[in-house]
Amino acid sequence: MARINIELDIYSGRENPSFVVEDDFAHWLLTNTASRASDPRGERLGFRGVALSSLTDEGAGRLGDDELYLSGEGNALAANSELLSAIFEQFPKDDPDFDQDLLLYLNNKLATGTSQTTTILTTGEDDGPEAAESDAALPSCPIEVETFNPRFWNGSSVVRENNCYNYATNRRTNTFAQPGRATGTYPWPVDCDSVRAAAISDGAKYGSSPSGFRSCQPDSEIPRWYMVMVIWPGYDYHWYRKQKEGYWGHKLGKEPARNTDNSGKVIYDPETCDRGPYTEFCNYFISGKSSKVR
């Protein structure tokens, strides 16, 4: 019996939702993906693609050595639209991880099918005038900043094990860290208030604006990382961290760390950058040495 796990590559903070198909539809997938090579993995916030992996030896080797990735971005979206549409029709019924609003969002992606610019990682050697302007967003509290170092996060053994919260707090725990997990404060529902409370429970200080911090991390908490949190209302959260070069870095769930937004532009202001479906800007935060992250 063929059984295939289907993972939506869609979230940044939370674990991606997945479900299992078997029998007729699993065989249909194996037939219609025969000899297919995986597409490059996604690069933007929001829906990036699906990962197919066999759960039985019947499909072993027919979906690549480990999995087959079908991109939902750029030109690949149009090429994969029939497969993706059929997969979306198999969503589990009465499962809150696959509600009608999410299905509507995904089908709208298929319907529009617009190609987007390619994301390019930059080194910061030519920061431009935006870098100086970004200093206006520095907090009223003392912070430390680190040189942008995506290689630390993007190695094959760690890239899938760490997410945006790991990146923002600069803690490579390999646990796909969640705000509040280490301190017993689960961020639910997924909104600004819940995720903020979970991050505060972990030890972060927050401000409604760069100058709006009610208290700062003391010198005993060095290094103190400057972070921003945004929300895809009801679905997911995402975090950014200020870099020494003046821009902001981030990591999209299981995907590589980068310093560019959904339009491929270097991020000098996370409030105004292209964040895809993460439309709600929440707060500024500062973590400290003793912050708990797991």
C-alpha atoms as a PDB file:
ATOM      1  CA  MET A   1       0.000   0.000   0.000  1.00  0.00           C
ATOM      2  CA  ALA A   2       1.388   3.402  -0.991  1.00  0.00           C
ATOM      3  CA  ARG A   3       1.332   6.079   1.714  1.00  0.00           C
ATOM      4  CA  ILE A   4       2.738   9.570   1.171  1.00  0.00           C
ATOM      5  CA  ASN A   5       3.242  12.335   3.708  1.00  0.00           C
ATOM      6  CA  ILE A   6       2.442  15.803   2.344  1.00  0.00           C
ATOM      7  CA  GLU A   7       3.954  18.780   4.157  1.00  0.00           C
ATOM      8  CA  LEU A   8       2.912  22.321   3.270  1.00  0.00           C
ATOM      9  CA  ASP A   9       5.989  24.551   3.325  1.00  0.00           C
ATOM     10  CA  ILE A  10       4.094  27.593   4.508  1.00  0.00           C
ATOM     11  CA  TYR A  11       4.940  28.720   8.050  1.00  0.00           C
ATOM     12  CA  SER A  12       7.952  30.437   9.561  1.00  0.00           C
ATOM     13  CA  GLY A  13       7.507  30.125  13.327  1.00  0.00           C
ATOM     14  CA  ARG A  14       5.112  27.234  13.787  1.00  0.00           C
ATOM     15  CA  GLU A  15       5.720  23.744  12.459  1.00  0.00           C
ATOM     16  CA  ASN A  16       4.404  23.249   8.932  1.00  0.00           C
ATOM     17  CA  PRO A  17       1.079  21.369   8.737  1.00  0.00           C
ATOM     18  CA  SER A  18       1.135  17.930   7.121  1.00  0.00           C
ATOM     19  CA  PHE A  19      -1.210  15.062   6.305  1.00  0.00           C
ATOM     20  CA  VAL A  20      -1.025  11.567   4.822  1.00  0.00           C
ATOM     21  CA  VAL A  21      -2.611  10.272   1.613  1.00  0.00           C
ATOM     22  CA  GLU A  22      -2.759   6.632   0.571  1.00  0.00           C
ATOM     23  CA  ASP A  23      -4.167   4.126  -1.923  1.00  0.00           C
ATOM     24  CA  ASP A  24      -5.559   5.629  -5.146  1.00  0.00           C
ATOM     25  CA  PHE A  25      -4.404   9.213  -4.648  1.00  0.00           C
ATOM     26  CA  ALA A  26      -0.974   8.134  -3.445  1.00  0.00           C
ATOM     27  CA  HIS A  27      -0.576   6.006  -6.581  1.00  0.00           C
ATOM     28  CA  TRP A  28      -1.780   8.946  -8.701  1.00  0.00           C
ATOM     29  CA  LEU A  29       0.904  11.148  -7.139  1.00  0.00           C
ATOM     30  CA  LEU A  30       3.621   8.565  -7.730  1.00  0.00           C
ATOM     31  CA  THR A  31       2.574   8.205 -11.361  1.00  0.00           C
ATOM     32  CA  ASN A  32       2.357  11.934 -12.029  1.00  0.00           C
ATOM     33  CA  THR A  33       5.645  12.785 -10.346  1.00  0.00           C
ATOM     34  CA  ALA A  34       7.637   9.947 -11.929  1.00  0.00           C
ATOM     35  CA  SER A  35      11.142  11.040 -12.937  1.00  0.00           C
ATOM     36  CA  ARG A  36      10.546  14.509 -11.473  1.00  0.00           C
ATOM     37  CA  ALA A  37      13.453  16.310  -9.820  1.00  0.00           C
ATOM     38  CA  SER A  38      12.829  18.488  -6.785  1.00  0.00           C
ATOM     39  CA  ASP A  39      12.345  22.192  -7.396  1.00  0.00           C
ATOM     40  CA  PRO A  40      14.490  24.680  -5.471  1.00  0.00           C
ATOM     41  CA  ARG A  41      13.007  25.259  -2.018  1.00  0.00           C
ATOM     42  CA  GLY A  42      10.976  28.389  -1.314  1.00  0.00           C
ATOM     43  CA  GLU A  43      12.361  31.818  -0.486  1.00  0.00           C
ATOM     44  CA  ARG A  44       9.417  33.920   0.666  1.00  0.00           C
ATOM     45  CA  LEU A  45       7.040  34.330   3.597  1.00  0.00           C
ATOM     46  CA  GLY A  46       3.757  32.524   3.012  1.00  0.00           C
ATOM     47  CA  PHE A  47       3.135  29.454   0.870  1.00  0.00           C
ATOM     48  CA  ARG A  48       6.385  28.243  -0.686  1.00  0.00           C
ATOM     49  CA  GLY A  49       5.574  24.706  -1.861  1.00  0.00           C
ATOM     50  CA  VAL A  50       4.877  21.130  -0.750  1.00  0.00           C
ATOM     51  CA  ALA A  51       7.259  18.349   0.244  1.00  0.00           C
ATOM     52  CA  LEU A  52       6.254  14.772  -0.603  1.00  0.00           C
ATOM     53  CA  SER A  53       7.871  11.838   1.207  1.00  0.00           C
ATOM     54  CA  SER A  54       7.018   8.140   1.047  1.00  0.00           C
ATOM     55  CA  LEU A  55       6.011   6.287   4.209  1.00  0.00           C
ATOM     56  CA  THR A  56       6.290   2.819   2.634  1.00  0.00           C
ATOM     57  CA  ASP A  57       8.942   1.124   0.539  1.00  0.00           C
ATOM     58  CA  GLU A  58       6.504   1.036  -2.384  1.00  0.00           C
ATOM     59  CA  GLY A  59       7.245   4.672  -3.039  1.00  0.00           C
ATOM     60  CA  ALA A  60      10.868   4.611  -1.892  1.00  0.00           C
ATOM     61  CA  GLY A  61      13.188   6.097  -4.503  1.00  0.00           C
ATOM     62  CA  ARG A  62      10.293   7.333  -6.615  1.00  0.00           C
ATOM     63  CA  LEU A  63      10.127  10.623  -4.713  1.00  0.00           C
ATOM     64  CA  GLY A  64      13.855  11.249  -4.654  1.00  0.00           C
ATOM     65  CA  ASP A  65      16.274   9.986  -2.033  1.00  0.00           C
ATOM     66  CA  ASP A  66      14.412  11.720   0.782  1.00  0.00           C
ATOM     67  CA  GLU A  67      11.548  13.812  -0.566  1.00  0.00           C
ATOM     68  CA  LEU A  68      10.209  15.542  -3.658  1.00  0.00           C
ATOM     69  CA  TYR A  69       9.694  19.298  -3.361  1.00  0.00           C
ATOM     70  CA  LEU A  70       7.108  21.003  -5.573  1.00  0.00           C
ATOM     71  CA  SER A  71       7.579  24.763  -5.561  1.00  0.00           C
ATOM     72  CA  GLY A  72       4.669  27.169  -5.202  1.00  0.00           C
ATOM     73  CA  GLU A  73       6.707  30.223  -6.180  1.00  0.00           C
ATOM     74  CA  GLY A  74       7.530  32.058  -9.382  1.00  0.00           C
ATOM     75  CA  ASN A  75       7.396  30.232 -12.699  1.00  0.00           C
ATOM     76  CA  ALA A  76       7.307  26.824 -10.986  1.00  0.00           C
ATOM     77  CA  LEU A  77       3.878  27.645  -9.548  1.00  0.00           C
ATOM     78  CA  ALA A  78       2.259  27.550 -12.984  1.00  0.00           C
ATOM     79  CA  ALA A  79       4.088  24.355 -13.911  1.00  0.00           C
ATOM     80  CA  ASN A  80       2.950  22.648 -10.701  1.00  0.00           C
ATOM     81  CA  SER A  81      -0.581  24.067 -10.556  1.00  0.00           C
ATOM     82  CA  GLU A  82      -2.394  20.837 -11.531  1.00  0.00           C
ATOM     83  CA  LEU A  83      -0.511  18.774  -8.951  1.00  0.00           C
ATOM     84  CA  LEU A  84      -0.924  21.400  -6.240  1.00  0.00           C
ATOM     85  CA  SER A  85      -4.642  21.830  -6.929  1.00  0.00           C
ATOM     86  CA  ALA A  86      -5.182  18.072  -6.641  1.00  0.00           C
ATOM     87  CA  ILE A  87      -3.221  17.986  -3.374  1.00  0.00           C
ATOM     88  CA  PHE A  88      -5.256  20.857  -1.899  1.00  0.00           C
ATOM     89  CA  GLU A  89      -8.456  18.927  -2.649  1.00  0.00           C
ATOM     90  CA  GLN A  90      -7.193  16.173  -0.341  1.00  0.00           C
ATOM     91  CA  PHE A  91      -7.012  18.389   2.727  1.00  0.00           C
ATOM     92  CA  PRO A  92      -8.333  16.567   5.830  1.00  0.00           C
ATOM     93  CA  LYS A  93     -11.880  17.528   6.691  1.00  0.00           C
ATOM     94  CA  ASP A  94     -12.616  19.059  10.113  1.00  0.00           C
ATOM     95  CA  ASP A  95      -8.897  19.585  10.815  1.00  0.00           C
ATOM     96  CA  PRO A  96      -8.259  23.109  12.185  1.00  0.00           C
ATOM     97  CA  ASP A  97      -4.807  23.145  10.544  1.00  0.00           C
ATOM     98  CA  PHE A  98      -6.518  23.022   7.127  1.00  0.00           C
ATOM     99  CA  ASP A  99      -9.478  25.388   7.437  1.00  0.00           C
ATOM    100  CA  GLN A 100     -11.395  27.028   4.609  1.00  0.00           C
ATOM    101  CA  ASP A 101      -9.589  30.366   4.899  1.00  0.00           C
ATOM    102  CA  LEU A 102      -6.238  28.638   4.384  1.00  0.00           C
ATOM    103  CA  LEU A 103      -7.625  26.754   1.392  1.00  0.00           C
ATOM    104  CA  LEU A 104      -8.950  30.030  -0.022  1.00  0.00           C
ATOM    105  CA  TYR A 105      -5.509  31.628   0.371  1.00  0.00           C
ATOM    106  CA  LEU A 106      -3.815  28.689  -1.388  1.00  0.00           C
ATOM    107  CA  ASN A 107      -6.321  28.553  -4.240  1.00  0.00           C
ATOM    108  CA  ASN A 108      -5.920  32.290  -4.715  1.00  0.00           C
ATOM    109  CA  LYS A 109      -2.171  31.741  -5.060  1.00  0.00           C
ATOM    110  CA  LEU A 110      -2.884  29.200  -7.796  1.00  0.00           C
ATOM    111  CA  ALA A 111      -5.357  31.508  -9.519  1.00  0.00           C
ATOM    112  CA  THR A 112      -3.074  34.542  -9.600  1.00  0.00           C
ATOM    113  CA  GLY A 113       0.113  32.606 -10.317  1.00  0.00           C
ATOM    114  CA  THR A 114       2.225  35.741 -10.557  1.00  0.00           C
ATOM    115  CA  SER A 115       5.967  35.386 -10.913  1.00  0.00           C
ATOM    116  CA  GLN A 116       8.023  37.226  -8.317  1.00  0.00           C
ATOM    117  CA  THR A 117      11.587  38.507  -8.354  1.00  0.00           C
ATOM    118  CA  THR A 118      14.351  36.198  -7.200  1.00  0.00           C
ATOM    119  CA  THR A 119      15.612  36.755  -3.671  1.00  0.00           C
ATOM    120  CA  ILE A 120      19.318  37.552  -3.480  1.00  0.00           C
ATOM    121  CA  LEU A 121      21.390  37.362  -0.299  1.00  0.00           C
ATOM    122  CA  THR A 122      23.646  40.390   0.009  1.00  0.00           C
ATOM    123  CA  THR A 123      26.792  40.940   2.031  1.00  0.00           C
ATOM    124  CA  GLY A 124      26.116  44.522   3.082  1.00  0.00           C
ATOM    125  CA  GLU A 125      29.203  45.859   1.305  1.00  0.00           C
ATOM    126  CA  ASP A 126      27.067  48.490  -0.434  1.00  0.00           C
ATOM    127  CA  ASP A 127      24.391  49.375   2.080  1.00  0.00           C
ATOM    128  CA  GLY A 128      23.195  52.567   0.411  1.00  0.00           C
ATOM    129  CA  PRO A 129      21.367  55.507   2.042  1.00  0.00           C
ATOM    130  CA  GLU A 130      18.769  53.242   3.640  1.00  0.00           C
ATOM    131  CA  ALA A 131      21.379  51.980   6.124  1.00  0.00           C
ATOM    132  CA  ALA A 132      21.829  55.430   7.630  1.00  0.00           C
ATOM    133  CA  GLU A 133      18.101  56.031   7.718  1.00  0.00           C
ATOM    134  CA  SER A 134      17.594  52.752   9.576  1.00  0.00           C
ATOM    135  CA  ASP A 135      19.496  54.147  12.566  1.00  0.00           C
ATOM    136  CA  ALA A 136      16.337  56.114  13.370  1.00  0.00           C
ATOM    137  CA  ALA A 137      14.708  52.818  14.324  1.00  0.00           C
ATOM    138  CA  LEU A 138      17.325  51.997  16.973  1.00  0.00           C
ATOM    139  CA  PRO A 139      15.804  51.465  20.423  1.00  0.00           C
ATOM    140  CA  SER A 140      16.108  53.719  23.434  1.00  0.00           C
ATOM    141  CA  CYS A 141      17.725  50.750  25.252  1.00  0.00           C
ATOM    142  CA  PRO A 142      21.324  49.526  24.799  1.00  0.00           C
ATOM    143  CA  ILE A 143      21.682  46.554  22.436  1.00  0.00           C
ATOM    144  CA  GLU A 144      24.363  44.514  20.746  1.00  0.00           C
ATOM    145  CA  VAL A 145      24.436  43.790  17.014  1.00  0.00           C
ATOM    146  CA  GLU A 146      26.242  41.016  15.151  1.00  0.00           C
ATOM    147  CA  THR A 147      27.529  40.747  11.599  1.00  0.00           C
ATOM    148  CA  PHE A 148      25.067  39.029   9.260  1.00  0.00           C
ATOM    149  CA  ASN A 149      26.237  35.405   9.099  1.00  0.00           C
ATOM    150  CA  PRO A 150      23.761  33.220   7.173  1.00  0.00           C
ATOM    151  CA  ARG A 151      26.256  30.364   6.836  1.00  0.00           C
ATOM    152  CA  PHE A 152      25.895  29.637  10.551  1.00  0.00           C
ATOM    153  CA  TRP A 153      22.184  28.947   9.996  1.00  0.00           C
ATOM    154  CA  ASN A 154      22.107  27.480   6.514  1.00  0.00           C
ATOM    155  CA  GLY A 155      24.193  24.324   6.830  1.00  0.00           C
ATOM    156  CA  SER A 156      22.435  21.133   5.780  1.00  0.00           C
ATOM    157  CA  SER A 157      22.508  19.675   9.301  1.00  0.00           C
ATOM    158  CA  VAL A 158      20.849  22.688  10.981  1.00  0.00           C
ATOM    159  CA  VAL A 159      18.774  24.633   8.435  1.00  0.00           C
ATOM    160  CA  ARG A 160      15.652  22.473   8.848  1.00  0.00           C
ATOM    161  CA  GLU A 161      15.957  22.330  12.668  1.00  0.00           C
ATOM    162  CA  ASN A 162      15.852  26.068  13.440  1.00  0.00           C
ATOM    163  CA  ASN A 163      13.303  28.767  12.642  1.00  0.00           C
ATOM    164  CA  CYS A 164      12.740  32.520  12.817  1.00  0.00           C
ATOM    165  CA  TYR A 165      12.581  32.542  16.649  1.00  0.00           C
ATOM    166  CA  ASN A 166      15.908  30.738  16.838  1.00  0.00           C
ATOM    167  CA  TYR A 167      17.380  33.293  14.456  1.00  0.00           C
ATOM    168  CA  ALA A 168      15.953  36.361  16.206  1.00  0.00           C
ATOM    169  CA  THR A 169      17.152  35.239  19.645  1.00  0.00           C
ATOM    170  CA  ASN A 170      20.460  34.044  18.130  1.00  0.00           C
ATOM    171  CA  ARG A 171      20.062  30.589  19.690  1.00  0.00           C
ATOM    172  CA  ARG A 172      20.678  27.612  17.410  1.00  0.00           C
ATOM    173  CA  THR A 173      18.906  25.027  19.588  1.00  0.00           C
ATOM    174  CA  ASN A 174      17.997  22.587  16.773  1.00  0.00           C
ATOM    175  CA  THR A 175      14.531  22.326  18.353  1.00  0.00           C
ATOM    176  CA  PHE A 176      12.549  24.563  15.972  1.00  0.00           C
ATOM    177  CA  ALA A 177      12.062  26.826  18.990  1.00  0.00           C
ATOM    178  CA  GLN A 178       8.671  28.195  20.005  1.00  0.00           C
ATOM    179  CA  PRO A 179       8.021  31.318  22.116  1.00  0.00           C
ATOM    180  CA  GLY A 180       7.005  30.214  25.597  1.00  0.00           C
ATOM    181  CA  ARG A 181       7.892  26.536  25.180  1.00  0.00           C
ATOM    182  CA  ALA A 182      10.787  26.815  27.658  1.00  0.00           C
ATOM    183  CA  THR A 183       8.607  28.590  30.221  1.00  0.00           C
ATOM    184  CA  GLY A 184       5.240  26.865  29.778  1.00  0.00           C
ATOM    185  CA  THR A 185       3.398  29.715  28.019  1.00  0.00           C
ATOM    186  CA  TYR A 186       1.941  28.429  24.757  1.00  0.00           C
ATOM    187  CA  PRO A 187       1.197  31.225  22.224  1.00  0.00           C
ATOM    188  CA  TRP A 188      -2.426  30.525  21.359  1.00  0.00           C
ATOM    189  CA  PRO A 189      -4.421  31.908  19.642  1.00  0.00           C
ATOM    190  CA  VAL A 190      -1.875  33.139  17.109  1.00  0.00           C
ATOM    191  CA  ASP A 191      -2.122  36.874  17.669  1.00  0.00           C
ATOM    192  CA  CYS A 192       0.140  39.669  18.871  1.00  0.00           C
ATOM    193  CA  ASP A 193      -0.975  39.462  22.508  1.00  0.00           C
ATOM    194  CA  SER A 194      -0.407  35.706  22.860  1.00  0.00           C
ATOM    195  CA  VAL A 195       2.963  35.549  21.117  1.00  0.00           C
ATOM    196  CA  ARG A 196       4.157  38.684  22.948  1.00  0.00           C
ATOM    197  CA  ALA A 197       3.193  37.129  26.315  1.00  0.00           C
ATOM    198  CA  ALA A 198       5.098  33.946  25.409  1.00  0.00           C
ATOM    199  CA  ALA A 199       8.240  35.908  24.434  1.00  0.00           C
ATOM    200  CA  ILE A 200       8.073  37.959  27.634  1.00  0.00           C
ATOM    201  CA  SER A 201       7.742  34.730  29.591  1.00  0.00           C
ATOM    202  CA  ASP A 202      10.984  33.598  27.938  1.00  0.00           C
ATOM    203  CA  GLY A 203      12.684  36.759  29.211  1.00  0.00           C
ATOM    204  CA  ALA A 204      12.327  39.330  26.426  1.00  0.00           C
ATOM    205  CA  LYS A 205      11.598  43.026  27.019  1.00  0.00           C
ATOM    206  CA  TYR A 206       9.237  44.731  24.603  1.00  0.00           C
ATOM    207  CA  GLY A 207       8.297  48.153  23.332  1.00  0.00           C
ATOM    208  CA  SER A 208       5.423  49.422  21.221  1.00  0.00           C
ATOM    209  CA  SER A 209       8.002  51.449  19.273  1.00  0.00           C
ATOM    210  CA  PRO A 210      11.803  51.790  19.268  1.00  0.00           C
ATOM    211  CA  SER A 211      11.479  54.507  21.912  1.00  0.00           C
ATOM    212  CA  GLY A 212       8.616  52.773  23.725  1.00  0.00           C
ATOM    213  CA  PHE A 213      10.501  50.295  25.943  1.00  0.00           C
ATOM    214  CA  ARG A 214       9.302  50.529  29.551  1.00  0.00           C
ATOM    215  CA  SER A 215      12.408  48.717  30.805  1.00  0.00           C
ATOM    216  CA  CYS A 216      15.728  47.636  29.308  1.00  0.00           C
ATOM    217  CA  GLN A 217      17.904  44.558  29.571  1.00  0.00           C
ATOM    218  CA  PRO A 218      20.737  45.336  32.045  1.00  0.00           C
ATOM    219  CA  ASP A 219      24.427  44.987  31.217  1.00  0.00           C
ATOM    220  CA  SER A 220      24.410  41.606  32.941  1.00  0.00           C
ATOM    221  CA  GLU A 221      22.220  40.392  30.025  1.00  0.00           C
ATOM    222  CA  ILE A 222      24.819  41.146  27.313  1.00  0.00           C
ATOM    223  CA  PRO A 223      24.489  40.138  24.481  1.00  0.00           C
ATOM    224  CA  ARG A 224      21.098  41.802  24.029  1.00  0.00           C
ATOM    225  CA  TRP A 225      19.508  41.208  20.627  1.00  0.00           C
ATOM    226  CA  TYR A 226      17.053  43.656  19.039  1.00  0.00           C
ATOM    227  CA  MET A 227      14.067  41.860  17.479  1.00  0.00           C
ATOM    228  CA  VAL A 228      10.730  42.476  15.763  1.00  0.00           C
ATOM    229  CA  MET A 229       7.675  40.215  15.703  1.00  0.00           C
ATOM    230  CA  VAL A 230       4.905  40.167  13.079  1.00  0.00           C
ATOM    231  CA  ILE A 231       1.802  38.001  12.661  1.00  0.00           C
ATOM    232  CA  TRP A 232      -0.067  36.223   9.899  1.00  0.00           C
ATOM    233  CA  PRO A 233      -3.375  36.671  11.778  1.00  0.00           C
ATOM    234  CA  GLY A 234      -4.664  33.370  13.113  1.00  0.00           C
ATOM    235  CA  TYR A 235      -1.951  31.261  11.482  1.00  0.00           C
ATOM    236  CA  ASP A 236       1.665  32.047  12.243  1.00  0.00           C
ATOM    237  CA  TYR A 237       4.247  34.468  13.619  1.00  0.00           C
ATOM    238  CA  HIS A 238       7.591  35.652  12.249  1.00  0.00           C
ATOM    239  CA  TRP A 239      10.669  37.303  13.811  1.00  0.00           C
ATOM    240  CA  TYR A 240      13.500  39.538  12.569  1.00  0.00           C
ATOM    241  CA  ARG A 241      16.838  40.548  14.181  1.00  0.00           C
ATOM    242  CA  LYS A 242      18.819  43.761  13.699  1.00  0.00           C
ATOM    243  CA  GLN A 243      22.258  43.236  12.075  1.00  0.00           C
ATOM    244  CA  LYS A 244      25.503  45.176  12.408  1.00  0.00           C
ATOM    245  CA  GLU A 245      25.316  46.275   8.754  1.00  0.00           C
ATOM    246  CA  GLY A 246      22.157  48.286   9.487  1.00  0.00           C
ATOM    247  CA  TYR A 247      19.608  45.955   7.904  1.00  0.00           C
ATOM    248  CA  TRP A 248      17.555  43.143   9.459  1.00  0.00           C
ATOM    249  CA  GLY A 249      18.043  39.401   9.046  1.00  0.00           C
ATOM    250  CA  HIS A 250      15.480  36.628   9.354  1.00  0.00           C
ATOM    251  CA  LYS A 251      14.910  32.933   8.718  1.00  0.00           C
ATOM    252  CA  LEU A 252      11.796  31.521   7.053  1.00  0.00           C
ATOM    253  CA  GLY A 253      10.965  28.393   9.033  1.00  0.00           C
ATOM    254  CA  LYS A 254      13.005  25.478   7.626  1.00  0.00           C
ATOM    255  CA  GLU A 255      14.423  27.639   4.838  1.00  0.00           C
ATOM    256  CA  PRO A 256      17.768  29.514   4.776  1.00  0.00           C
ATOM    257  CA  ALA A 257      18.426  32.738   6.659  1.00  0.00           C
ATOM    258  CA  ARG A 258      18.434  35.885   4.530  1.00  0.00           C
ATOM    259  CA  ASN A 259      18.259  39.682   4.728  1.00  0.00           C
ATOM    260  CA  THR A 260      15.699  40.308   1.981  1.00  0.00           C
ATOM    261  CA  ASP A 261      11.901  40.541   1.934  1.00  0.00           C
ATOM    262  CA  ASN A 262       9.296  38.942  -0.353  1.00  0.00           C
ATOM    263  CA  SER A 263      10.151  41.429  -3.107  1.00  0.00           C
ATOM    264  CA  GLY A 264      13.862  40.630  -2.952  1.00  0.00           C
ATOM    265  CA  LYS A 265      14.755  43.949  -1.304  1.00  0.00           C
ATOM    266  CA  VAL A 266      17.187  44.270   1.607  1.00  0.00           C
ATOM    267  CA  ILE A 267      15.189  44.856   4.813  1.00  0.00           C
ATOM    268  CA  TYR A 268      15.955  48.227   6.387  1.00  0.00           C
ATOM    269  CA  ASP A 269      12.545  48.623   8.014  1.00  0.00           C
ATOM    270  CA  PRO A 270      10.553  45.507   9.021  1.00  0.00           C
ATOM    271  CA  GLU A 271       7.462  47.662   9.521  1.00  0.00           C
ATOM    272  CA  THR A 272       7.255  48.571   5.831  1.00  0.00           C
ATOM    273  CA  CYS A 273       8.998  45.674   4.059  1.00  0.00           C
ATOM    274  CA  ASP A 274       7.103  43.135   1.938  1.00  0.00           C
ATOM    275  CA  ARG A 275       6.031  40.448   4.435  1.00  0.00           C
ATOM    276  CA  GLY A 276       3.473  38.584   2.320  1.00  0.00           C
ATOM    277  CA  PRO A 277       0.551  37.391   4.478  1.00  0.00           C
ATOM    278  CA  TYR A 278       2.227  38.513   7.734  1.00  0.00           C
ATOM    279  CA  THR A 279       0.248  41.724   7.655  1.00  0.00           C
ATOM    280  CA  GLU A 280       0.098  42.591  11.367  1.00  0.00           C
ATOM    281  CA  PHE A 281       3.111  44.366  12.859  1.00  0.00           C
ATOM    282  CA  CYS A 282       3.259  43.702  16.593  1.00  0.00           C
ATOM    283  CA  ASN A 283       6.174  44.886  18.715  1.00  0.00           C
ATOM    284  CA  TYR A 284       9.883  45.490  19.134  1.00  0.00           C
ATOM    285  CA  PHE A 285      11.721  43.203  21.576  1.00  0.00           C
ATOM    286  CA  ILE A 286      15.125  42.807  23.199  1.00  0.00           C
ATOM    287  CA  SER A 287      16.269  39.389  24.386  1.00  0.00           C
ATOM    288  CA  GLY A 288      19.056  38.830  26.872  1.00  0.00           C
ATOM    289  CA  LYS A 289      21.721  36.310  27.843  1.00  0.00           C
ATOM    290  CA  SER A 290      19.433  34.580  30.315  1.00  0.00           C
ATOM    291  CA  SER A 291      16.416  34.419  28.000  1.00  0.00           C
ATOM    292  CA  LYS A 292      15.143  30.866  27.774  1.00  0.00           C
ATOM    293  CA  VAL A 293      14.666  29.462  24.265  1.00  0.00           C
ATOM    294  CA  ARG A 294      13.609  25.920  23.423  1.00  0.00           C
END
